[in-house]
PDB file of all heavy atoms in Angstrom:
ATOM      1  N   GLU A   1       0.782  -1.233   0.035  1.00  0.00           N
ATOM      2  CA  GLU A   1       0.001   0.007  -0.026  1.00  0.00           C
ATOM      3  C   GLU A   1       0.804   1.307   0.002  1.00  0.00           C
ATOM      4  O   GLU A   1       0.313   2.331  -0.375  1.00  0.00           O
ATOM      5  CB  GLU A   1      -0.983   0.084   1.178  1.00  0.00           C
ATOM      6  CG  GLU A   1      -1.882  -1.183   1.326  1.00  0.00           C
ATOM      7  CD  GLU A   1      -2.836  -1.413   0.158  1.00  0.00           C
ATOM      8  OE1 GLU A   1      -3.107  -0.507  -0.651  1.00  0.00           O
ATOM      9  OE2 GLU A   1      -3.198  -2.631   0.024  1.00  0.00           O
ATOM     10  N   TYR A   2       2.060   1.333   0.468  1.00  0.00           N
ATOM     11  CA  TYR A   2       2.811   2.571   0.493  1.00  0.00           C
ATOM     12  C   TYR A   2       4.288   2.242   0.331  1.00  0.00           C
ATOM     13  O   TYR A   2       4.727   1.141   0.471  1.00  0.00           O
ATOM     14  CB  TYR A   2       2.559   3.303   1.896  1.00  0.00           C
ATOM     15  CG  TYR A   2       3.061   2.444   3.041  1.00  0.00           C
ATOM     16  CD1 TYR A   2       4.350   2.626   3.589  1.00  0.00           C
ATOM     17  CD2 TYR A   2       2.274   1.458   3.632  1.00  0.00           C
ATOM     18  CE1 TYR A   2       4.823   1.914   4.640  1.00  0.00           C
ATOM     19  CE2 TYR A   2       2.722   0.717   4.726  1.00  0.00           C
ATOM     20  CZ  TYR A   2       4.006   0.923   5.177  1.00  0.00           C
ATOM     21  OH  TYR A   2       4.431   0.184   6.220  1.00  0.00           O
ATOM     22  N   ASN A   3       5.053   3.324   0.078  1.00  0.00           N
ATOM     23  CA  ASN A   3       6.555   3.181   0.045  1.00  0.00           C
ATOM     24  C   ASN A   3       7.106   3.535   1.332  1.00  0.00           C
ATOM     25  O   ASN A   3       6.541   4.287   2.181  1.00  0.00           O
ATOM     26  CB  ASN A   3       7.093   4.147  -1.035  1.00  0.00           C
ATOM     27  CG  ASN A   3       6.913   3.658  -2.429  1.00  0.00           C
ATOM     28  OD1 ASN A   3       6.023   4.154  -3.170  1.00  0.00           O
ATOM     29  ND2 ASN A   3       7.764   2.731  -2.889  1.00  0.00           N
ATOM     30  N   GLY A   4       8.336   2.987   1.639  1.00  0.00           N
ATOM     31  CA  GLY A   4       9.057   3.351   2.809  1.00  0.00           C
ATOM     32  C   GLY A   4       9.768   4.679   2.644  1.00  0.00           C
ATOM     33  O   GLY A   4       9.573   5.321   1.645  1.00  0.00           O
ATOM     34  N   THR A   5      10.569   5.064   3.592  1.00  0.00           N
ATOM     35  CA  THR A   5      11.276   6.329   3.575  1.00  0.00           C
ATOM     36  C   THR A   5      12.523   6.257   2.695  1.00  0.00           C
ATOM     37  O   THR A   5      12.989   7.342   2.300  1.00  0.00           O
ATOM     38  CB  THR A   5      11.670   6.776   5.024  1.00  0.00           C
ATOM     39  OG1 THR A   5      12.469   5.773   5.617  1.00  0.00           O
ATOM     40  CG2 THR A   5      10.395   7.045   5.852  1.00  0.00           C
ATOM     41  N   GLU A   6      13.014   5.116   2.437  1.00  0.00           N
ATOM     42  CA  GLU A   6      14.182   4.956   1.584  1.00  0.00           C
ATOM     43  C   GLU A   6      13.764   4.179   0.306  1.00  0.00           C
ATOM     44  O   GLU A   6      12.583   4.067   0.014  1.00  0.00           O
ATOM     45  CB  GLU A   6      15.301   4.124   2.322  1.00  0.00           C
ATOM     46  CG  GLU A   6      15.854   4.942   3.541  1.00  0.00           C
ATOM     47  CD  GLU A   6      16.498   6.218   3.139  1.00  0.00           C
ATOM     48  OE1 GLU A   6      17.231   6.267   2.111  1.00  0.00           O
ATOM     49  OE2 GLU A   6      16.280   7.223   3.798  1.00  0.00           O
ATOM     50  N   ASN A   7      14.747   3.654  -0.429  1.00  0.00           N
ATOM     51  CA  ASN A   7      14.437   2.879  -1.670  1.00  0.00           C
ATOM     52  C   ASN A   7      13.465   1.803  -1.311  1.00  0.00           C
ATOM     53  O   ASN A   7      13.675   1.063  -0.354  1.00  0.00           O
ATOM     54  CB  ASN A   7      15.708   2.237  -2.252  1.00  0.00           C
ATOM     55  CG  ASN A   7      16.695   3.269  -2.785  1.00  0.00           C
ATOM     56  OD1 ASN A   7      16.343   4.434  -3.032  1.00  0.00           O
ATOM     57  ND2 ASN A   7      17.908   2.842  -3.036  1.00  0.00           N
ATOM     58  N   SER A   8      12.363   1.692  -2.097  1.00  0.00           N
ATOM     59  CA  SER A   8      11.324   0.724  -1.785  1.00  0.00           C
ATOM     60  C   SER A   8      10.390   0.506  -2.918  1.00  0.00           C
ATOM     61  O   SER A   8      10.287   1.350  -3.809  1.00  0.00           O
ATOM     62  CB  SER A   8      10.531   1.119  -0.504  1.00  0.00           C
ATOM     63  OG  SER A   8       9.900   2.378  -0.756  1.00  0.00           O
ATOM     64  N   PHE A   9       9.740  -0.603  -2.839  1.00  0.00           N
ATOM     65  CA  PHE A   9       8.606  -0.947  -3.697  1.00  0.00           C
ATOM     66  C   PHE A   9       7.350  -0.818  -2.876  1.00  0.00           C
ATOM     67  O   PHE A   9       7.297  -1.105  -1.743  1.00  0.00           O
ATOM     68  CB  PHE A   9       8.676  -2.318  -4.269  1.00  0.00           C
ATOM     69  CG  PHE A   9       9.700  -2.606  -5.287  1.00  0.00           C
ATOM     70  CD1 PHE A   9      10.854  -3.391  -4.936  1.00  0.00           C
ATOM     71  CD2 PHE A   9       9.611  -2.086  -6.566  1.00  0.00           C
ATOM     72  CE1 PHE A   9      11.770  -3.659  -5.915  1.00  0.00           C
ATOM     73  CE2 PHE A   9      10.629  -2.326  -7.491  1.00  0.00           C
ATOM     74  CZ  PHE A   9      11.701  -3.109  -7.184  1.00  0.00           C
ATOM     75  N   SER A  10       6.225  -0.459  -3.579  1.00  0.00           N
ATOM     76  CA  SER A  10       4.914  -0.554  -2.948  1.00  0.00           C
ATOM     77  C   SER A  10       3.977  -1.318  -3.891  1.00  0.00           C
ATOM     78  O   SER A  10       4.036  -1.062  -5.126  1.00  0.00           O
ATOM     79  CB  SER A  10       4.332   0.792  -2.574  1.00  0.00           C
ATOM     80  OG  SER A  10       4.198   1.613  -3.674  1.00  0.00           O
ATOM     81  N   LEU A  11       3.231  -2.221  -3.358  1.00  0.00           N
ATOM     82  CA  LEU A  11       2.265  -3.002  -4.079  1.00  0.00           C
ATOM     83  C   LEU A  11       0.868  -2.713  -3.620  1.00  0.00           C
ATOM     84  O   LEU A  11       0.602  -2.665  -2.429  1.00  0.00           O
ATOM     85  CB  LEU A  11       2.550  -4.503  -3.898  1.00  0.00           C
ATOM     86  CG  LEU A  11       1.553  -5.538  -4.507  1.00  0.00           C
ATOM     87  CD1 LEU A  11       1.590  -5.472  -6.046  1.00  0.00           C
ATOM     88  CD2 LEU A  11       1.832  -6.900  -4.011  1.00  0.00           C
ATOM     89  N   TYR A  12      -0.038  -2.406  -4.560  1.00  0.00           N
ATOM     90  CA  TYR A  12      -1.416  -2.096  -4.164  1.00  0.00           C
ATOM     91  C   TYR A  12      -2.321  -2.402  -5.312  1.00  0.00           C
ATOM     92  O   TYR A  12      -1.968  -2.457  -6.478  1.00  0.00           O
ATOM     93  CB  TYR A  12      -1.493  -0.580  -3.814  1.00  0.00           C
ATOM     94  CG  TYR A  12      -0.810   0.343  -4.730  1.00  0.00           C
ATOM     95  CD1 TYR A  12      -1.441   0.891  -5.848  1.00  0.00           C
ATOM     96  CD2 TYR A  12       0.529   0.719  -4.508  1.00  0.00           C
ATOM     97  CE1 TYR A  12      -0.755   1.734  -6.695  1.00  0.00           C
ATOM     98  CE2 TYR A  12       1.201   1.593  -5.339  1.00  0.00           C
ATOM     99  CZ  TYR A  12       0.527   2.134  -6.439  1.00  0.00           C
ATOM    100  OH  TYR A  12       1.191   2.925  -7.297  1.00  0.00           O
ATOM    101  N   SER A  13      -3.619  -2.583  -4.940  1.00  0.00           N
ATOM    102  CA  SER A  13      -4.673  -2.864  -5.881  1.00  0.00           C
ATOM    103  C   SER A  13      -5.172  -1.549  -6.492  1.00  0.00           C
ATOM    104  O   SER A  13      -5.123  -0.514  -5.890  1.00  0.00           O
ATOM    105  CB  SER A  13      -5.802  -3.666  -5.306  1.00  0.00           C
ATOM    106  OG  SER A  13      -6.407  -2.910  -4.263  1.00  0.00           O
ATOM    107  N   LEU A  14      -5.687  -1.665  -7.767  1.00  0.00           N
ATOM    108  CA  LEU A  14      -6.289  -0.534  -8.414  1.00  0.00           C
ATOM    109  C   LEU A  14      -7.715  -0.790  -8.661  1.00  0.00           C
ATOM    110  O   LEU A  14      -8.212  -1.954  -8.703  1.00  0.00           O
ATOM    111  CB  LEU A  14      -5.587  -0.332  -9.757  1.00  0.00           C
ATOM    112  CG  LEU A  14      -4.058   0.013  -9.751  1.00  0.00           C
ATOM    113  CD1 LEU A  14      -3.493   0.064 -11.159  1.00  0.00           C
ATOM    114  CD2 LEU A  14      -3.858   1.410  -9.042  1.00  0.00           C
ATOM    115  N   VAL A  15      -8.433   0.257  -8.933  1.00  0.00           N
ATOM    116  CA  VAL A  15      -9.850   0.105  -9.303  1.00  0.00           C
ATOM    117  C   VAL A  15      -9.991  -0.560 -10.697  1.00  0.00           C
ATOM    118  O   VAL A  15      -8.991  -0.582 -11.459  1.00  0.00           O
ATOM    119  CB  VAL A  15     -10.606   1.483  -9.352  1.00  0.00           C
ATOM    120  CG1 VAL A  15     -10.548   2.163  -7.989  1.00  0.00           C
ATOM    121  CG2 VAL A  15     -10.021   2.414 -10.433  1.00  0.00           C
ATOM    122  N   GLY A  16     -11.143  -1.021 -10.998  1.00  0.00           N
ATOM    123  CA  GLY A  16     -11.384  -1.526 -12.356  1.00  0.00           C
ATOM    124  C   GLY A  16     -11.356  -3.046 -12.465  1.00  0.00           C
ATOM    125  O   GLY A  16     -11.500  -3.616 -13.530  1.00  0.00           O
ATOM    126  N   GLY A  17     -11.160  -3.780 -11.298  1.00  0.00           N
ATOM    127  CA  GLY A  17     -11.263  -5.210 -11.367  1.00  0.00           C
ATOM    128  C   GLY A  17     -12.675  -5.600 -11.764  1.00  0.00           C
ATOM    129  O   GLY A  17     -13.625  -4.870 -11.624  1.00  0.00           O
ATOM    130  N   ARG A  18     -12.736  -6.777 -12.350  1.00  0.00           N
ATOM    131  CA  ARG A  18     -14.120  -7.173 -12.872  1.00  0.00           C
ATOM    132  C   ARG A  18     -14.271  -8.675 -12.822  1.00  0.00           C
ATOM    133  O   ARG A  18     -13.277  -9.429 -12.886  1.00  0.00           O
ATOM    134  CB  ARG A  18     -14.366  -6.593 -14.229  1.00  0.00           C
ATOM    135  CG  ARG A  18     -13.461  -7.237 -15.281  1.00  0.00           C
ATOM    136  CD  ARG A  18     -13.587  -6.525 -16.633  1.00  0.00           C
ATOM    137  NE  ARG A  18     -12.835  -7.224 -17.659  1.00  0.00           N
ATOM    138  CZ  ARG A  18     -13.344  -8.001 -18.566  1.00  0.00           C
ATOM    139  NH1 ARG A  18     -14.624  -8.220 -18.631  1.00  0.00           N
ATOM    140  NH2 ARG A  18     -12.584  -8.600 -19.481  1.00  0.00           N
ATOM    141  N   THR A  19     -15.543  -9.089 -12.835  1.00  0.00           N
ATOM    142  CA  THR A  19     -15.887 -10.463 -12.983  1.00  0.00           C
ATOM    143  C   THR A  19     -15.991 -10.763 -14.462  1.00  0.00           C
ATOM    144  O   THR A  19     -16.743 -10.082 -15.186  1.00  0.00           O
ATOM    145  CB  THR A  19     -17.169 -10.848 -12.316  1.00  0.00           C
ATOM    146  OG1 THR A  19     -17.030 -10.578 -10.873  1.00  0.00           O
ATOM    147  CG2 THR A  19     -17.535 -12.281 -12.512  1.00  0.00           C
ATOM    148  N   VAL A  20     -15.171 -11.727 -14.992  1.00  0.00           N
ATOM    149  CA  VAL A  20     -15.164 -12.057 -16.376  1.00  0.00           C
ATOM    150  C   VAL A  20     -16.274 -13.065 -16.690  1.00  0.00           C
ATOM    151  O   VAL A  20     -16.992 -12.930 -17.708  1.00  0.00           O
ATOM    152  CB  VAL A  20     -13.870 -12.645 -16.843  1.00  0.00           C
ATOM    153  CG1 VAL A  20     -13.827 -13.074 -18.282  1.00  0.00           C
ATOM    154  CG2 VAL A  20     -12.701 -11.614 -16.520  1.00  0.00           C
ATOM    155  N   ARG A  21     -16.419 -14.052 -15.827  1.00  0.00           N
ATOM    156  CA  ARG A  21     -17.442 -15.101 -16.008  1.00  0.00           C
ATOM    157  C   ARG A  21     -17.903 -15.538 -14.603  1.00  0.00           C
ATOM    158  O   ARG A  21     -17.152 -15.510 -13.675  1.00  0.00           O
ATOM    159  CB  ARG A  21     -16.824 -16.312 -16.682  1.00  0.00           C
ATOM    160  CG  ARG A  21     -16.713 -16.268 -18.134  1.00  0.00           C
ATOM    161  CD  ARG A  21     -16.292 -17.586 -18.716  1.00  0.00           C
ATOM    162  NE  ARG A  21     -14.837 -17.732 -18.487  1.00  0.00           N
ATOM    163  CZ  ARG A  21     -14.181 -18.727 -19.054  1.00  0.00           C
ATOM    164  NH1 ARG A  21     -14.766 -19.655 -19.791  1.00  0.00           N
ATOM    165  NH2 ARG A  21     -12.857 -18.795 -18.881  1.00  0.00           N
ATOM    166  N   GLU A  22     -19.128 -15.963 -14.581  1.00  0.00           N
ATOM    167  CA  GLU A  22     -19.686 -16.631 -13.351  1.00  0.00           C
ATOM    168  C   GLU A  22     -20.206 -17.972 -13.778  1.00  0.00           C
ATOM    169  O   GLU A  22     -20.897 -18.105 -14.746  1.00  0.00           O
ATOM    170  CB  GLU A  22     -20.761 -15.756 -12.779  1.00  0.00           C
ATOM    171  CG  GLU A  22     -21.163 -16.306 -11.425  1.00  0.00           C
ATOM    172  CD  GLU A  22     -22.020 -15.341 -10.634  1.00  0.00           C
ATOM    173  OE1 GLU A  22     -22.130 -14.169 -11.027  1.00  0.00           O
ATOM    174  OE2 GLU A  22     -22.584 -15.727  -9.606  1.00  0.00           O
ATOM    175  N   PHE A  23     -19.763 -19.022 -12.999  1.00  0.00           N
ATOM    176  CA  PHE A  23     -20.149 -20.344 -13.377  1.00  0.00           C
ATOM    177  C   PHE A  23     -21.347 -20.794 -12.532  1.00  0.00           C
ATOM    178  O   PHE A  23     -21.690 -20.160 -11.505  1.00  0.00           O
ATOM    179  CB  PHE A  23     -18.931 -21.304 -13.090  1.00  0.00           C
ATOM    180  CG  PHE A  23     -17.770 -20.956 -13.888  1.00  0.00           C
ATOM    181  CD1 PHE A  23     -16.724 -20.124 -13.433  1.00  0.00           C
ATOM    182  CD2 PHE A  23     -17.606 -21.497 -15.193  1.00  0.00           C
ATOM    183  CE1 PHE A  23     -15.652 -19.808 -14.195  1.00  0.00           C
ATOM    184  CE2 PHE A  23     -16.533 -21.197 -15.999  1.00  0.00           C
ATOM    185  CZ  PHE A  23     -15.528 -20.344 -15.501  1.00  0.00           C
ATOM    186  N   MET A  24     -21.988 -21.851 -12.964  1.00  0.00           N
ATOM    187  CA  MET A  24     -23.290 -22.305 -12.292  1.00  0.00           C
ATOM    188  C   MET A  24     -23.067 -22.668 -10.838  1.00  0.00           C
ATOM    189  O   MET A  24     -23.950 -22.572 -10.037  1.00  0.00           O
ATOM    190  CB  MET A  24     -23.843 -23.510 -13.074  1.00  0.00           C
ATOM    191  CG  MET A  24     -24.072 -23.188 -14.487  1.00  0.00           C
ATOM    192  SD  MET A  24     -25.680 -23.343 -15.257  1.00  0.00           S
ATOM    193  CE  MET A  24     -26.699 -24.307 -14.254  1.00  0.00           C
ATOM    194  N   ASP A  25     -21.824 -23.114 -10.474  1.00  0.00           N
ATOM    195  CA  ASP A  25     -21.547 -23.457  -9.059  1.00  0.00           C
ATOM    196  C   ASP A  25     -21.237 -22.255  -8.192  1.00  0.00           C
ATOM    197  O   ASP A  25     -20.944 -22.358  -7.015  1.00  0.00           O
ATOM    198  CB  ASP A  25     -20.437 -24.459  -8.923  1.00  0.00           C
ATOM    199  CG  ASP A  25     -19.091 -23.909  -9.356  1.00  0.00           C
ATOM    200  OD1 ASP A  25     -18.998 -22.762  -9.854  1.00  0.00           O
ATOM    201  OD2 ASP A  25     -18.095 -24.658  -9.239  1.00  0.00           O
ATOM    202  N   GLY A  26     -21.297 -21.030  -8.728  1.00  0.00           N
ATOM    203  CA  GLY A  26     -21.070 -19.835  -8.001  1.00  0.00           C
ATOM    204  C   GLY A  26     -19.604 -19.321  -8.102  1.00  0.00           C
ATOM    205  O   GLY A  26     -19.295 -18.235  -7.656  1.00  0.00           O
ATOM    206  N   THR A  27     -18.764 -20.090  -8.688  1.00  0.00           N
ATOM    207  CA  THR A  27     -17.368 -19.695  -8.830  1.00  0.00           C
ATOM    208  C   THR A  27     -17.310 -18.530  -9.873  1.00  0.00           C
ATOM    209  O   THR A  27     -18.059 -18.533 -10.855  1.00  0.00           O
ATOM    210  CB  THR A  27     -16.531 -20.878  -9.427  1.00  0.00           C
ATOM    211  OG1 THR A  27     -16.603 -21.932  -8.440  1.00  0.00           O
ATOM    212  CG2 THR A  27     -15.045 -20.462  -9.643  1.00  0.00           C
ATOM    213  N   LYS A  28     -16.406 -17.582  -9.598  1.00  0.00           N
ATOM    214  CA  LYS A  28     -16.289 -16.440 -10.505  1.00  0.00           C
ATOM    215  C   LYS A  28     -14.864 -16.329 -10.969  1.00  0.00           C
ATOM    216  O   LYS A  28     -13.890 -16.490 -10.235  1.00  0.00           O
ATOM    217  CB  LYS A  28     -16.658 -15.159  -9.773  1.00  0.00           C
ATOM    218  CG  LYS A  28     -18.051 -15.033  -9.383  1.00  0.00           C
ATOM    219  CD  LYS A  28     -18.351 -13.757  -8.616  1.00  0.00           C
ATOM    220  CE  LYS A  28     -19.808 -13.730  -8.183  1.00  0.00           C
ATOM    221  NZ  LYS A  28     -20.076 -12.582  -7.380  1.00  0.00           N
ATOM    222  N   GLU A  29     -14.702 -16.100 -12.259  1.00  0.00           N
ATOM    223  CA  GLU A  29     -13.342 -15.749 -12.822  1.00  0.00           C
ATOM    224  C   GLU A  29     -13.238 -14.262 -12.788  1.00  0.00           C
ATOM    225  O   GLU A  29     -14.154 -13.535 -13.356  1.00  0.00           O
ATOM    226  CB  GLU A  29     -13.251 -16.260 -14.249  1.00  0.00           C
ATOM    227  CG  GLU A  29     -11.867 -15.975 -14.808  1.00  0.00           C
ATOM    228  CD  GLU A  29     -11.672 -16.435 -16.252  1.00  0.00           C
ATOM    229  OE1 GLU A  29     -12.548 -17.131 -16.763  1.00  0.00           O
ATOM    230  OE2 GLU A  29     -10.641 -16.125 -16.816  1.00  0.00           O
ATOM    231  N   LYS A  30     -12.202 -13.764 -12.117  1.00  0.00           N
ATOM    232  CA  LYS A  30     -12.044 -12.325 -11.962  1.00  0.00           C
ATOM    233  C   LYS A  30     -10.703 -11.879 -12.514  1.00  0.00           C
ATOM    234  O   LYS A  30      -9.704 -12.615 -12.499  1.00  0.00           O
ATOM    235  CB  LYS A  30     -12.091 -11.952 -10.443  1.00  0.00           C
ATOM    236  CG  LYS A  30     -13.456 -12.183  -9.818  1.00  0.00           C
ATOM    237  CD  LYS A  30     -13.411 -11.684  -8.386  1.00  0.00           C
ATOM    238  CE  LYS A  30     -14.797 -11.676  -7.811  1.00  0.00           C
ATOM    239  NZ  LYS A  30     -15.278 -10.323  -7.714  1.00  0.00           N
ATOM    240  N   GLU A  31     -10.711 -10.622 -12.999  1.00  0.00           N
ATOM    241  CA  GLU A  31      -9.448  -9.945 -13.399  1.00  0.00           C
ATOM    242  C   GLU A  31      -9.292  -8.826 -12.407  1.00  0.00           C
ATOM    243  O   GLU A  31     -10.183  -7.922 -12.352  1.00  0.00           O
ATOM    244  CB  GLU A  31      -9.550  -9.430 -14.825  1.00  0.00           C
ATOM    245  CG  GLU A  31      -9.572 -10.528 -15.868  1.00  0.00           C
ATOM    246  CD  GLU A  31      -9.657  -9.946 -17.303  1.00  0.00           C
ATOM    247  OE1 GLU A  31     -10.052  -8.788 -17.500  1.00  0.00           O
ATOM    248  OE2 GLU A  31      -9.325 -10.707 -18.197  1.00  0.00           O
TER     249      GLU A  31
END
């Protein structure tokens, strides 16, 4: 979610995820 005070990576989710398919058993394929 955020960077540190020195050299660092931050990993976070972005808006726009979606359900691609929904199966009869309730399972969803998501991007």
